[in-house]
Every structure is written in C-alpha cells, then in structure tokens.
Amino acid sequence: MKKNALEWCVFGASVLLSVALIGYLGVKAITYQSTPPDLRVEIMPEKDTLRRNIQRIELINHGEQTAENVAVEVVLLVQGKETETAEALFPLAPKESKQEAWVTFRTPPAEGQRFNVHILGYNKP
C-alpha cells in the first residue's frame, strides 16, 4: 500500500517537531545553571480616590530557583525621617516570575516622600 502526500506531510512534521524538542531539551540540559533566587523589588504608587497612601510592590525573581515566604520591608521616609514601616509577605516566588502585593501607610501621601525597600529573607523549598 502506497502512502499519499498528506501522510508524508504529517510524518515529516512529526519527525521535525520531535527532533526540535529533543534539541531544545538537550541545549537546556547543557546550559542549565542552578543559580539561587535573584530577587528584585520595585515599588510604585497606587492611584486611590480616597487619598490613602497605598504602594504597589512588585517582586521579580530572575533566578533559576524558587523562593518561599519572601518577607519585604518598606520604610516610609518623609523629609528624610523614618515615619512608618510596613511589611509584605509573598508565599511563593517561582523562578523567572513576577508577584504583586500592596502596602498601606496611615500617614497620608506627602510631597517628597521616599521609600526604602529591603528583602528581609526567604526560605528555599
């Protein structure tokens, strides 16, 4: 029994996909580096109609490993003086991911307020 053109096309495409997948996995296996979590934190003001002092925190993990229970401390500085401290907890920060959280301060938004952001610690699962 002779194969028609459609059967040959399907066969060729499946062989090509299989070879490409094996090649991709091979390259990943050779170039994989087990780097620890590389955590970065960015803080941005959140728009609020009630004029509350709400800040959005983005936790970005550029590393190859997951981090658990990441604790982030945010210190509000008004005119260079430490006014308030808030803390956010991220239960899980998978590799190459971005997580979001929000912190609220009792002090109303002020002109020239600044924030010091610090990662307090994390667990390795």
PDB file of N, CA and C in Angstrom:
ATOM      1  N   MET A   1       0.825  -1.166   0.000  1.00  0.00           N
ATOM      2  CA  MET A   1       0.000   0.000   0.000  1.00  0.00           C
ATOM      3  C   MET A   1       0.881   1.245   0.000  1.00  0.00           C
ATOM      4  N   LYS A   2       0.548   2.149  -0.866  1.00  0.00           N
ATOM      5  CA  LYS A   2       1.344   3.339  -1.054  1.00  0.00           C
ATOM      6  C   LYS A   2       0.794   4.478  -0.183  1.00  0.00           C
ATOM      7  N   LYS A   3       1.705   5.287   0.415  1.00  0.00           N
ATOM      8  CA  LYS A   3       1.284   6.425   1.236  1.00  0.00           C
ATOM      9  C   LYS A   3       1.014   7.628   0.336  1.00  0.00           C
ATOM     10  N   ASN A   4      -0.005   8.401   0.724  1.00  0.00           N
ATOM     11  CA  ASN A   4      -0.301   9.598  -0.065  1.00  0.00           C
ATOM     12  C   ASN A   4       0.464  10.795   0.500  1.00  0.00           C
ATOM     13  N   ALA A   5       0.311  11.948  -0.122  1.00  0.00           N
ATOM     14  CA  ALA A   5       1.075  13.148   0.236  1.00  0.00           C
ATOM     15  C   ALA A   5       0.745  13.642   1.650  1.00  0.00           C
ATOM     16  N   LEU A   6      -0.504  13.554   2.059  1.00  0.00           N
ATOM     17  CA  LEU A   6      -0.886  14.006   3.390  1.00  0.00           C
ATOM     18  C   LEU A   6      -0.190  13.183   4.476  1.00  0.00           C
ATOM     19  N   GLU A   7      -0.130  11.883   4.299  1.00  0.00           N
ATOM     20  CA  GLU A   7       0.548  11.025   5.269  1.00  0.00           C
ATOM     21  C   GLU A   7       2.030  11.377   5.364  1.00  0.00           C
ATOM     22  N   TRP A   8       2.671  11.641   4.224  1.00  0.00           N
ATOM     23  CA  TRP A   8       4.083  12.019   4.231  1.00  0.00           C
ATOM     24  C   TRP A   8       4.285  13.378   4.915  1.00  0.00           C
ATOM     25  N   CYS A   9       3.361  14.318   4.722  1.00  0.00           N
ATOM     26  CA  CYS A   9       3.461  15.636   5.370  1.00  0.00           C
ATOM     27  C   CYS A   9       3.324  15.501   6.885  1.00  0.00           C
ATOM     28  N   VAL A  10       2.378  14.723   7.341  1.00  0.00           N
ATOM     29  CA  VAL A  10       2.186  14.517   8.777  1.00  0.00           C
ATOM     30  C   VAL A  10       3.404  13.822   9.379  1.00  0.00           C
ATOM     31  N   PHE A  11       3.917  12.823   8.693  1.00  0.00           N
ATOM     32  CA  PHE A  11       5.116  12.116   9.158  1.00  0.00           C
ATOM     33  C   PHE A  11       6.305  13.075   9.250  1.00  0.00           C
ATOM     34  N   GLY A  12       6.510  13.889   8.220  1.00  0.00           N
ATOM     35  CA  GLY A  12       7.635  14.830   8.215  1.00  0.00           C
ATOM     36  C   GLY A  12       7.521  15.864   9.321  1.00  0.00           C
ATOM     37  N   ALA A  13       6.307  16.378   9.524  1.00  0.00           N
ATOM     38  CA  ALA A  13       6.103  17.379  10.577  1.00  0.00           C
ATOM     39  C   ALA A  13       6.342  16.782  11.962  1.00  0.00           C
ATOM     40  N   SER A  14       5.887  15.564  12.193  1.00  0.00           N
ATOM     41  CA  SER A  14       6.099  14.937  13.499  1.00  0.00           C
ATOM     42  C   SER A  14       7.574  14.642  13.745  1.00  0.00           C
ATOM     43  N   VAL A  15       8.303  14.221  12.732  1.00  0.00           N
ATOM     44  CA  VAL A  15       9.745  13.987  12.888  1.00  0.00           C
ATOM     45  C   VAL A  15      10.454  15.303  13.185  1.00  0.00           C
ATOM     46  N   LEU A  16      10.091  16.353  12.453  1.00  0.00           N
ATOM     47  CA  LEU A  16      10.707  17.663  12.655  1.00  0.00           C
ATOM     48  C   LEU A  16      10.434  18.186  14.070  1.00  0.00           C
ATOM     49  N   LEU A  17       9.200  18.072  14.548  1.00  0.00           N
ATOM     50  CA  LEU A  17       8.873  18.513  15.901  1.00  0.00           C
ATOM     51  C   LEU A  17       9.609  17.693  16.967  1.00  0.00           C
ATOM     52  N   SER A  18       9.714  16.391  16.744  1.00  0.00           N
ATOM     53  CA  SER A  18      10.421  15.527  17.706  1.00  0.00           C
ATOM     54  C   SER A  18      11.896  15.899  17.790  1.00  0.00           C
ATOM     55  N   VAL A  19      12.534  16.102  16.655  1.00  0.00           N
ATOM     56  CA  VAL A  19      13.958  16.467  16.623  1.00  0.00           C
ATOM     57  C   VAL A  19      14.163  17.842  17.268  1.00  0.00           C
ATOM     58  N   ALA A  20      13.262  18.787  16.977  1.00  0.00           N
ATOM     59  CA  ALA A  20      13.383  20.119  17.570  1.00  0.00           C
ATOM     60  C   ALA A  20      13.225  20.063  19.088  1.00  0.00           C
ATOM     61  N   LEU A  21      12.282  19.280  19.583  1.00  0.00           N
ATOM     62  CA  LEU A  21      12.080  19.156  21.024  1.00  0.00           C
ATOM     63  C   LEU A  21      13.289  18.511  21.700  1.00  0.00           C
ATOM     64  N   ILE A  22      13.815  17.471  21.120  1.00  0.00           N
ATOM     65  CA  ILE A  22      14.996  16.808  21.691  1.00  0.00           C
ATOM     66  C   ILE A  22      16.188  17.767  21.686  1.00  0.00           C
ATOM     67  N   GLY A  23      16.362  18.534  20.612  1.00  0.00           N
ATOM     68  CA  GLY A  23      17.443  19.520  20.552  1.00  0.00           C
ATOM     69  C   GLY A  23      17.290  20.602  21.602  1.00  0.00           C
ATOM     70  N   TYR A  24      16.073  21.126  21.767  1.00  0.00           N
ATOM     71  CA  TYR A  24      15.817  22.166  22.765  1.00  0.00           C
ATOM     72  C   TYR A  24      16.110  21.654  24.171  1.00  0.00           C
ATOM     73  N   LEU A  25      15.613  20.467  24.496  1.00  0.00           N
ATOM     74  CA  LEU A  25      15.861  19.902  25.822  1.00  0.00           C
ATOM     75  C   LEU A  25      17.344  19.616  26.050  1.00  0.00           C
ATOM     76  N   GLY A  26      18.036  19.198  25.001  1.00  0.00           N
ATOM     77  CA  GLY A  26      19.476  18.960  25.113  1.00  0.00           C
ATOM     78  C   GLY A  26      20.245  20.236  25.412  1.00  0.00           C
ATOM     79  N   VAL A  27      19.916  21.304  24.709  1.00  0.00           N
ATOM     80  CA  VAL A  27      20.579  22.597  24.946  1.00  0.00           C
ATOM     81  C   VAL A  27      20.274  23.092  26.356  1.00  0.00           C
ATOM     82  N   LYS A  28      19.016  22.980  26.807  1.00  0.00           N
ATOM     83  CA  LYS A  28      18.665  23.398  28.161  1.00  0.00           C
ATOM     84  C   LYS A  28      19.427  22.588  29.213  1.00  0.00           C
ATOM     85  N   ALA A  29      19.570  21.289  28.982  1.00  0.00           N
ATOM     86  CA  ALA A  29      20.279  20.433  29.946  1.00  0.00           C
ATOM     87  C   ALA A  29      21.755  20.809  30.031  1.00  0.00           C
ATOM     88  N   ILE A  30      22.363  21.164  28.913  1.00  0.00           N
ATOM     89  CA  ILE A  30      23.787  21.501  28.898  1.00  0.00           C
ATOM     90  C   ILE A  30      24.042  22.873  29.499  1.00  0.00           C
ATOM     91  N   THR A  31      23.178  23.844  29.199  1.00  0.00           N
ATOM     92  CA  THR A  31      23.422  25.221  29.634  1.00  0.00           C
ATOM     93  C   THR A  31      22.764  25.567  30.969  1.00  0.00           C
ATOM     94  N   TYR A  32      22.074  24.635  31.621  1.00  0.00           N
ATOM     95  CA  TYR A  32      21.373  24.920  32.874  1.00  0.00           C
ATOM     96  C   TYR A  32      22.366  25.260  33.976  1.00  0.00           C
ATOM     97  N   GLN A  33      22.093  26.348  34.682  1.00  0.00           N
ATOM     98  CA  GLN A  33      22.895  26.729  35.838  1.00  0.00           C
ATOM     99  C   GLN A  33      21.963  26.836  37.036  1.00  0.00           C
ATOM    100  N   SER A  34      22.310  26.170  38.092  1.00  0.00           N
ATOM    101  CA  SER A  34      21.477  26.175  39.292  1.00  0.00           C
ATOM    102  C   SER A  34      21.797  27.414  40.123  1.00  0.00           C
ATOM    103  N   THR A  35      21.295  28.560  39.691  1.00  0.00           N
ATOM    104  CA  THR A  35      21.547  29.800  40.412  1.00  0.00           C
ATOM    105  C   THR A  35      20.499  29.983  41.498  1.00  0.00           C
ATOM    106  N   PRO A  36      20.862  30.592  42.611  1.00  0.00           N
ATOM    107  CA  PRO A  36      19.891  30.831  43.683  1.00  0.00           C
ATOM    108  C   PRO A  36      18.865  31.869  43.238  1.00  0.00           C
ATOM    109  N   PRO A  37      17.795  32.033  44.014  1.00  0.00           N
ATOM    110  CA  PRO A  37      16.815  33.061  43.665  1.00  0.00           C
ATOM    111  C   PRO A  37      17.481  34.437  43.583  1.00  0.00           C
ATOM    112  N   ASP A  38      17.191  35.163  42.533  1.00  0.00           N
ATOM    113  CA  ASP A  38      17.707  36.517  42.324  1.00  0.00           C
ATOM    114  C   ASP A  38      16.508  37.457  42.430  1.00  0.00           C
ATOM    115  N   LEU A  39      16.240  37.934  43.638  1.00  0.00           N
ATOM    116  CA  LEU A  39      15.021  38.686  43.925  1.00  0.00           C
ATOM    117  C   LEU A  39      15.262  40.185  43.792  1.00  0.00           C
ATOM    118  N   ARG A  40      14.375  40.847  43.064  1.00  0.00           N
ATOM    119  CA  ARG A  40      14.403  42.301  42.905  1.00  0.00           C
ATOM    120  C   ARG A  40      13.038  42.841  43.313  1.00  0.00           C
ATOM    121  N   VAL A  41      13.029  44.021  43.902  1.00  0.00           N
ATOM    122  CA  VAL A  41      11.776  44.627  44.357  1.00  0.00           C
ATOM    123  C   VAL A  41      11.647  46.015  43.747  1.00  0.00           C
ATOM    124  N   GLU A  42      10.464  46.299  43.225  1.00  0.00           N
ATOM    125  CA  GLU A  42      10.141  47.631  42.717  1.00  0.00           C
ATOM    126  C   GLU A  42       8.899  48.114  43.449  1.00  0.00           C
ATOM    127  N   ILE A  43       8.836  49.425  43.718  1.00  0.00           N
ATOM    128  CA  ILE A  43       7.678  49.995  44.405  1.00  0.00           C
ATOM    129  C   ILE A  43       7.112  51.125  43.563  1.00  0.00           C
ATOM    130  N   MET A  44       5.782  51.153  43.449  1.00  0.00           N
ATOM    131  CA  MET A  44       5.096  52.156  42.644  1.00  0.00           C
ATOM    132  C   MET A  44       3.868  52.655  43.386  1.00  0.00           C
ATOM    133  N   PRO A  45       3.567  53.952  43.287  1.00  0.00           N
ATOM    134  CA  PRO A  45       2.353  54.461  43.943  1.00  0.00           C
ATOM    135  C   PRO A  45       1.107  53.928  43.254  1.00  0.00           C
ATOM    136  N   GLU A  46       0.100  53.672  44.044  1.00  0.00           N
ATOM    137  CA  GLU A  46      -1.186  53.182  43.525  1.00  0.00           C
ATOM    138  C   GLU A  46      -2.183  54.339  43.573  1.00  0.00           C
ATOM    139  N   LYS A  47      -2.932  54.505  42.515  1.00  0.00           N
ATOM    140  CA  LYS A  47      -3.954  55.568  42.475  1.00  0.00           C
ATOM    141  C   LYS A  47      -5.089  55.196  43.425  1.00  0.00           C
ATOM    142  N   ASP A  48      -5.495  56.178  44.245  1.00  0.00           N
ATOM    143  CA  ASP A  48      -6.561  55.936  45.209  1.00  0.00           C
ATOM    144  C   ASP A  48      -7.438  57.175  45.303  1.00  0.00           C
ATOM    145  N   THR A  49      -8.734  57.010  45.162  1.00  0.00           N
ATOM    146  CA  THR A  49      -9.655  58.143  45.192  1.00  0.00           C
ATOM    147  C   THR A  49      -9.807  58.729  46.590  1.00  0.00           C
ATOM    148  N   LEU A  50      -9.490  57.971  47.621  1.00  0.00           N
ATOM    149  CA  LEU A  50      -9.636  58.454  48.999  1.00  0.00           C
ATOM    150  C   LEU A  50      -8.355  59.076  49.544  1.00  0.00           C
ATOM    151  N   ARG A  51      -7.349  59.235  48.688  1.00  0.00           N
ATOM    152  CA  ARG A  51      -6.049  59.825  49.056  1.00  0.00           C
ATOM    153  C   ARG A  51      -5.342  59.052  50.170  1.00  0.00           C
ATOM    154  N   ARG A  52      -5.470  57.733  50.137  1.00  0.00           N
ATOM    155  CA  ARG A  52      -4.714  56.908  51.075  1.00  0.00           C
ATOM    156  C   ARG A  52      -3.324  56.681  50.492  1.00  0.00           C
ATOM    157  N   ASN A  53      -2.404  56.372  51.341  1.00  0.00           N
ATOM    158  CA  ASN A  53      -1.021  56.162  50.926  1.00  0.00           C
ATOM    159  C   ASN A  53      -0.804  54.666  50.657  1.00  0.00           C
ATOM    160  N   ILE A  54      -1.159  54.235  49.460  1.00  0.00           N
ATOM    161  CA  ILE A  54      -1.054  52.823  49.078  1.00  0.00           C
ATOM    162  C   ILE A  54       0.050  52.686  48.035  1.00  0.00           C
ATOM    163  N   GLN A  55       0.915  51.710  48.251  1.00  0.00           N
ATOM    164  CA  GLN A  55       2.030  51.468  47.333  1.00  0.00           C
ATOM    165  C   GLN A  55       1.968  50.023  46.833  1.00  0.00           C
ATOM    166  N   ARG A  56       2.220  49.844  45.545  1.00  0.00           N
ATOM    167  CA  ARG A  56       2.256  48.502  44.957  1.00  0.00           C
ATOM    168  C   ARG A  56       3.703  48.027  44.932  1.00  0.00           C
ATOM    169  N   ILE A  57       3.899  46.803  45.351  1.00  0.00           N
ATOM    170  CA  ILE A  57       5.233  46.194  45.377  1.00  0.00           C
ATOM    171  C   ILE A  57       5.255  45.088  44.336  1.00  0.00           C
ATOM    172  N   GLU A  58       6.278  45.093  43.496  1.00  0.00           N
ATOM    173  CA  GLU A  58       6.483  44.001  42.544  1.00  0.00           C
ATOM    174  C   GLU A  58       7.755  43.261  42.934  1.00  0.00           C
ATOM    175  N   LEU A  59       7.614  41.974  43.157  1.00  0.00           N
ATOM    176  CA  LEU A  59       8.747  41.115  43.473  1.00  0.00           C
ATOM    177  C   LEU A  59       9.054  40.293  42.238  1.00  0.00           C
ATOM    178  N   ILE A  60      10.264  40.437  41.711  1.00  0.00           N
ATOM    179  CA  ILE A  60      10.664  39.749  40.489  1.00  0.00           C
ATOM    180  C   ILE A  60      11.802  38.792  40.829  1.00  0.00           C
ATOM    181  N   ASN A  61      11.643  37.536  40.443  1.00  0.00           N
ATOM    182  CA  ASN A  61      12.667  36.521  40.676  1.00  0.00           C
ATOM    183  C   ASN A  61      13.327  36.211  39.337  1.00  0.00           C
ATOM    184  N   HIS A  62      14.570  36.664  39.161  1.00  0.00           N
ATOM    185  CA  HIS A  62      15.319  36.411  37.934  1.00  0.00           C
ATOM    186  C   HIS A  62      16.139  35.125  38.021  1.00  0.00           C
ATOM    187  N   GLY A  63      16.156  34.490  39.172  1.00  0.00           N
ATOM    188  CA  GLY A  63      16.977  33.298  39.385  1.00  0.00           C
ATOM    189  C   GLY A  63      16.339  32.036  38.840  1.00  0.00           C
ATOM    190  N   GLU A  64      17.057  30.934  38.950  1.00  0.00           N
ATOM    191  CA  GLU A  64      16.608  29.632  38.459  1.00  0.00           C
ATOM    192  C   GLU A  64      15.955  28.791  39.549  1.00  0.00           C
ATOM    193  N   GLN A  65      15.888  29.304  40.773  1.00  0.00           N
ATOM    194  CA  GLN A  65      15.278  28.550  41.860  1.00  0.00           C
ATOM    195  C   GLN A  65      14.119  29.331  42.465  1.00  0.00           C
ATOM    196  N   THR A  66      13.202  28.612  43.070  1.00  0.00           N
ATOM    197  CA  THR A  66      12.034  29.201  43.698  1.00  0.00           C
ATOM    198  C   THR A  66      12.376  29.651  45.117  1.00  0.00           C
ATOM    199  N   ALA A  67      11.747  30.741  45.552  1.00  0.00           N
ATOM    200  CA  ALA A  67      11.886  31.219  46.931  1.00  0.00           C
ATOM    201  C   ALA A  67      10.509  31.150  47.596  1.00  0.00           C
ATOM    202  N   GLU A  68      10.502  30.786  48.873  1.00  0.00           N
ATOM    203  CA  GLU A  68       9.257  30.680  49.639  1.00  0.00           C
ATOM    204  C   GLU A  68       9.268  31.703  50.763  1.00  0.00           C
ATOM    205  N   ASN A  69       8.085  32.146  51.164  1.00  0.00           N
ATOM    206  CA  ASN A  69       7.915  33.039  52.314  1.00  0.00           C
ATOM    207  C   ASN A  69       8.867  34.238  52.256  1.00  0.00           C
ATOM    208  N   VAL A  70       8.836  34.952  51.151  1.00  0.00           N
ATOM    209  CA  VAL A  70       9.695  36.123  50.979  1.00  0.00           C
ATOM    210  C   VAL A  70       9.093  37.285  51.763  1.00  0.00           C
ATOM    211  N   ALA A  71       9.848  37.814  52.707  1.00  0.00           N
ATOM    212  CA  ALA A  71       9.401  38.944  53.518  1.00  0.00           C
ATOM    213  C   ALA A  71      10.080  40.213  53.013  1.00  0.00           C
ATOM    214  N   VAL A  72       9.256  41.234  52.713  1.00  0.00           N
ATOM    215  CA  VAL A  72       9.759  42.505  52.201  1.00  0.00           C
ATOM    216  C   VAL A  72       9.343  43.609  53.164  1.00  0.00           C
ATOM    217  N   GLU A  73      10.305  44.448  53.542  1.00  0.00           N
ATOM    218  CA  GLU A  73      10.035  45.570  54.431  1.00  0.00           C
ATOM    219  C   GLU A  73      10.085  46.865  53.622  1.00  0.00           C
ATOM    220  N   VAL A  74       9.084  47.724  53.846  1.00  0.00           N
ATOM    221  CA  VAL A  74       9.021  49.023  53.177  1.00  0.00           C
ATOM    222  C   VAL A  74       9.003  50.095  54.263  1.00  0.00           C
ATOM    223  N   VAL A  75       9.964  51.014  54.203  1.00  0.00           N
ATOM    224  CA  VAL A  75      10.065  52.093  55.183  1.00  0.00           C
ATOM    225  C   VAL A  75       9.688  53.397  54.492  1.00  0.00           C
ATOM    226  N   LEU A  76       8.745  54.117  55.064  1.00  0.00           N
ATOM    227  CA  LEU A  76       8.309  55.412  54.542  1.00  0.00           C
ATOM    228  C   LEU A  76       9.177  56.501  55.152  1.00  0.00           C
ATOM    229  N   LEU A  77       9.779  57.303  54.287  1.00  0.00           N
ATOM    230  CA  LEU A  77      10.611  58.424  54.725  1.00  0.00           C
ATOM    231  C   LEU A  77       9.937  59.723  54.287  1.00  0.00           C
ATOM    232  N   VAL A  78       9.648  60.584  55.239  1.00  0.00           N
ATOM    233  CA  VAL A  78       9.098  61.906  54.941  1.00  0.00           C
ATOM    234  C   VAL A  78      10.123  62.928  55.420  1.00  0.00           C
ATOM    235  N   GLN A  79      10.616  63.746  54.498  1.00  0.00           N
ATOM    236  CA  GLN A  79      11.660  64.732  54.766  1.00  0.00           C
ATOM    237  C   GLN A  79      12.891  64.082  55.386  1.00  0.00           C
ATOM    238  N   GLY A  80      13.217  62.898  54.901  1.00  0.00           N
ATOM    239  CA  GLY A  80      14.406  62.188  55.351  1.00  0.00           C
ATOM    240  C   GLY A  80      14.272  61.455  56.668  1.00  0.00           C
ATOM    241  N   LYS A  81      13.113  61.540  57.317  1.00  0.00           N
ATOM    242  CA  LYS A  81      12.922  60.878  58.608  1.00  0.00           C
ATOM    243  C   LYS A  81      12.023  59.663  58.438  1.00  0.00           C
ATOM    244  N   GLU A  82      12.405  58.581  59.120  1.00  0.00           N
ATOM    245  CA  GLU A  82      11.606  57.351  59.078  1.00  0.00           C
ATOM    246  C   GLU A  82      10.293  57.586  59.815  1.00  0.00           C
ATOM    247  N   THR A  83       9.181  57.465  59.069  1.00  0.00           N
ATOM    248  CA  THR A  83       7.873  57.744  59.630  1.00  0.00           C
ATOM    249  C   THR A  83       7.123  56.470  59.986  1.00  0.00           C
ATOM    250  N   GLU A  84       7.108  55.519  59.060  1.00  0.00           N
ATOM    251  CA  GLU A  84       6.344  54.285  59.246  1.00  0.00           C
ATOM    252  C   GLU A  84       7.054  53.137  58.559  1.00  0.00           C
ATOM    253  N   THR A  85       6.705  51.935  58.996  1.00  0.00           N
ATOM    254  CA  THR A  85       7.231  50.720  58.373  1.00  0.00           C
ATOM    255  C   THR A  85       6.075  49.781  58.068  1.00  0.00           C
ATOM    256  N   ALA A  86       6.135  49.171  56.894  1.00  0.00           N
ATOM    257  CA  ALA A  86       5.135  48.168  56.517  1.00  0.00           C
ATOM    258  C   ALA A  86       5.880  46.941  56.004  1.00  0.00           C
ATOM    259  N   GLU A  87       5.194  45.816  56.047  1.00  0.00           N
ATOM    260  CA  GLU A  87       5.818  44.566  55.626  1.00  0.00           C
ATOM    261  C   GLU A  87       4.848  43.796  54.743  1.00  0.00           C
ATOM    262  N   ALA A  88       5.389  43.151  53.717  1.00  0.00           N
ATOM    263  CA  ALA A  88       4.592  42.306  52.826  1.00  0.00           C
ATOM    264  C   ALA A  88       5.230  40.926  52.786  1.00  0.00           C
ATOM    265  N   LEU A  89       4.388  39.910  52.700  1.00  0.00           N
ATOM    266  CA  LEU A  89       4.868  38.533  52.655  1.00  0.00           C
ATOM    267  C   LEU A  89       4.382  37.890  51.364  1.00  0.00           C
ATOM    268  N   PHE A  90       5.309  37.331  50.608  1.00  0.00           N
ATOM    269  CA  PHE A  90       4.995  36.621  49.377  1.00  0.00           C
ATOM    270  C   PHE A  90       5.170  35.129  49.650  1.00  0.00           C
ATOM    271  N   PRO A  91       4.090  34.355  49.635  1.00  0.00           N
ATOM    272  CA  PRO A  91       4.200  32.936  49.971  1.00  0.00           C
ATOM    273  C   PRO A  91       5.111  32.162  49.014  1.00  0.00           C
ATOM    274  N   LEU A  92       5.116  32.543  47.739  1.00  0.00           N
ATOM    275  CA  LEU A  92       5.896  31.791  46.754  1.00  0.00           C
ATOM    276  C   LEU A  92       6.359  32.727  45.651  1.00  0.00           C
ATOM    277  N   ALA A  93       7.634  32.620  45.286  1.00  0.00           N
ATOM    278  CA  ALA A  93       8.195  33.375  44.167  1.00  0.00           C
ATOM    279  C   ALA A  93       8.891  32.374  43.244  1.00  0.00           C
ATOM    280  N   PRO A  94       8.148  31.783  42.296  1.00  0.00           N
ATOM    281  CA  PRO A  94       8.747  30.810  41.389  1.00  0.00           C
ATOM    282  C   PRO A  94       9.841  31.432  40.529  1.00  0.00           C
ATOM    283  N   LYS A  95      10.674  30.585  39.954  1.00  0.00           N
ATOM    284  CA  LYS A  95      11.751  31.089  39.098  1.00  0.00           C
ATOM    285  C   LYS A  95      11.161  31.877  37.936  1.00  0.00           C
ATOM    286  N   GLU A  96      11.873  32.950  37.584  1.00  0.00           N
ATOM    287  CA  GLU A  96      11.501  33.810  36.457  1.00  0.00           C
ATOM    288  C   GLU A  96      10.041  34.252  36.526  1.00  0.00           C
ATOM    289  N   SER A  97       9.620  34.766  37.700  1.00  0.00           N
ATOM    290  CA  SER A  97       8.231  35.182  37.870  1.00  0.00           C
ATOM    291  C   SER A  97       8.162  36.601  38.430  1.00  0.00           C
ATOM    292  N   LYS A  98       6.950  37.151  38.382  1.00  0.00           N
ATOM    293  CA  LYS A  98       6.682  38.467  38.963  1.00  0.00           C
ATOM    294  C   LYS A  98       5.442  38.355  39.836  1.00  0.00           C
ATOM    295  N   GLN A  99       5.550  38.779  41.098  1.00  0.00           N
ATOM    296  CA  GLN A  99       4.451  38.752  42.051  1.00  0.00           C
ATOM    297  C   GLN A  99       4.137  40.187  42.458  1.00  0.00           C
ATOM    298  N   GLU A 100       2.881  40.426  42.865  1.00  0.00           N
ATOM    299  CA  GLU A 100       2.476  41.757  43.302  1.00  0.00           C
ATOM    300  C   GLU A 100       1.841  41.706  44.687  1.00  0.00           C
ATOM    301  N   ALA A 101       2.053  42.786  45.437  1.00  0.00           N
ATOM    302  CA  ALA A 101       1.411  42.969  46.738  1.00  0.00           C
ATOM    303  C   ALA A 101       1.242  44.470  46.947  1.00  0.00           C
ATOM    304  N   TRP A 102       0.411  44.835  47.913  1.00  0.00           N
ATOM    305  CA  TRP A 102       0.173  46.235  48.212  1.00  0.00           C
ATOM    306  C   TRP A 102       0.392  46.461  49.695  1.00  0.00           C
ATOM    307  N   VAL A 103       0.978  47.605  50.040  1.00  0.00           N
ATOM    308  CA  VAL A 103       1.124  48.006  51.436  1.00  0.00           C
ATOM    309  C   VAL A 103       0.444  49.363  51.607  1.00  0.00           C
ATOM    310  N   THR A 104      -0.119  49.565  52.783  1.00  0.00           N
ATOM    311  CA  THR A 104      -0.826  50.805  53.084  1.00  0.00           C
ATOM    312  C   THR A 104      -0.182  51.450  54.300  1.00  0.00           C
ATOM    313  N   PHE A 105      -0.015  52.767  54.227  1.00  0.00           N
ATOM    314  CA  PHE A 105       0.525  53.527  55.351  1.00  0.00           C
ATOM    315  C   PHE A 105      -0.566  54.423  55.915  1.00  0.00           C
ATOM    316  N   ARG A 106      -0.533  54.629  57.235  1.00  0.00           N
ATOM    317  CA  ARG A 106      -1.505  55.515  57.884  1.00  0.00           C
ATOM    318  C   ARG A 106      -1.220  56.976  57.543  1.00  0.00           C
ATOM    319  N   THR A 107       0.042  57.310  57.360  1.00  0.00           N
ATOM    320  CA  THR A 107       0.428  58.677  57.020  1.00  0.00           C
ATOM    321  C   THR A 107      -0.081  59.013  55.618  1.00  0.00           C
ATOM    322  N   PRO A 108      -0.772  60.135  55.449  1.00  0.00           N
ATOM    323  CA  PRO A 108      -1.267  60.487  54.116  1.00  0.00           C
ATOM    324  C   PRO A 108      -0.109  60.787  53.166  1.00  0.00           C
ATOM    325  N   PRO A 109      -0.345  60.659  51.862  1.00  0.00           N
ATOM    326  CA  PRO A 109       0.723  60.945  50.899  1.00  0.00           C
ATOM    327  C   PRO A 109       1.253  62.366  51.079  1.00  0.00           C
ATOM    328  N   ALA A 110       2.565  62.499  51.085  1.00  0.00           N
ATOM    329  CA  ALA A 110       3.197  63.807  51.273  1.00  0.00           C
ATOM    330  C   ALA A 110       4.144  64.089  50.113  1.00  0.00           C
ATOM    331  N   GLU A 111       4.351  65.357  49.871  1.00  0.00           N
ATOM    332  CA  GLU A 111       5.290  65.776  48.826  1.00  0.00           C
ATOM    333  C   GLU A 111       6.701  65.371  49.253  1.00  0.00           C
ATOM    334  N   GLY A 112       7.422  64.739  48.362  1.00  0.00           N
ATOM    335  CA  GLY A 112       8.801  64.363  48.652  1.00  0.00           C
ATOM    336  C   GLY A 112       8.955  63.112  49.496  1.00  0.00           C
ATOM    337  N   GLN A 113       7.905  62.331  49.661  1.00  0.00           N
ATOM    338  CA  GLN A 113       8.062  61.088  50.422  1.00  0.00           C
ATOM    339  C   GLN A 113       8.889  60.099  49.607  1.00  0.00           C
ATOM    340  N   ARG A 114       9.675  59.310  50.310  1.00  0.00           N
ATOM    341  CA  ARG A 114      10.509  58.296  49.671  1.00  0.00           C
ATOM    342  C   ARG A 114      10.312  56.987  50.412  1.00  0.00           C
ATOM    343  N   PHE A 115      10.774  55.913  49.772  1.00  0.00           N
ATOM    344  CA  PHE A 115      10.626  54.591  50.369  1.00  0.00           C
ATOM    345  C   PHE A 115      11.944  53.851  50.293  1.00  0.00           C
ATOM    346  N   ASN A 116      12.289  53.190  51.386  1.00  0.00           N
ATOM    347  CA  ASN A 116      13.399  52.242  51.397  1.00  0.00           C
ATOM    348  C   ASN A 116      12.782  50.849  51.408  1.00  0.00           C
ATOM    349  N   VAL A 117      13.170  50.038  50.436  1.00  0.00           N
ATOM    350  CA  VAL A 117      12.631  48.683  50.321  1.00  0.00           C
ATOM    351  C   VAL A 117      13.766  47.701  50.574  1.00  0.00           C
ATOM    352  N   HIS A 118      13.471  46.694  51.386  1.00  0.00           N
ATOM    353  CA  HIS A 118      14.506  45.729  51.762  1.00  0.00           C
ATOM    354  C   HIS A 118      13.884  44.336  51.867  1.00  0.00           C
ATOM    355  N   ILE A 119      14.535  43.359  51.273  1.00  0.00           N
ATOM    356  CA  ILE A 119      14.094  41.965  51.419  1.00  0.00           C
ATOM    357  C   ILE A 119      14.678  41.438  52.726  1.00  0.00           C
ATOM    358  N   LEU A 120      13.792  41.065  53.640  1.00  0.00           N
ATOM    359  CA  LEU A 120      14.235  40.600  54.960  1.00  0.00           C
ATOM    360  C   LEU A 120      14.773  39.184  54.910  1.00  0.00           C
ATOM    361  N   GLY A 121      14.172  38.341  54.081  1.00  0.00           N
ATOM    362  CA  GLY A 121      14.626  36.960  53.982  1.00  0.00           C
ATOM    363  C   GLY A 121      13.634  36.098  53.240  1.00  0.00           C
ATOM    364  N   TYR A 122      14.043  34.847  52.991  1.00  0.00           N
ATOM    365  CA  TYR A 122      13.188  33.877  52.304  1.00  0.00           C
ATOM    366  C   TYR A 122      13.645  32.474  52.641  1.00  0.00           C
ATOM    367  N   ASN A 123      12.785  31.517  52.357  1.00  0.00           N
ATOM    368  CA  ASN A 123      13.103  30.096  52.535  1.00  0.00           C
ATOM    369  C   ASN A 123      13.340  29.459  51.178  1.00  0.00           C
ATOM    370  N   LYS A 124      14.138  28.412  51.181  1.00  0.00           N
ATOM    371  CA  LYS A 124      14.354  27.639  49.962  1.00  0.00           C
ATOM    372  C   LYS A 124      13.514  26.358  50.089  1.00  0.00           C
ATOM    373  N   PRO A 125      12.559  26.152  49.171  1.00  0.00           N
ATOM    374  CA  PRO A 125      11.688  24.962  49.296  1.00  0.00           C
ATOM    375  C   PRO A 125      12.438  23.650  49.113  1.00  0.00           C
TER     376      PRO A 125
END
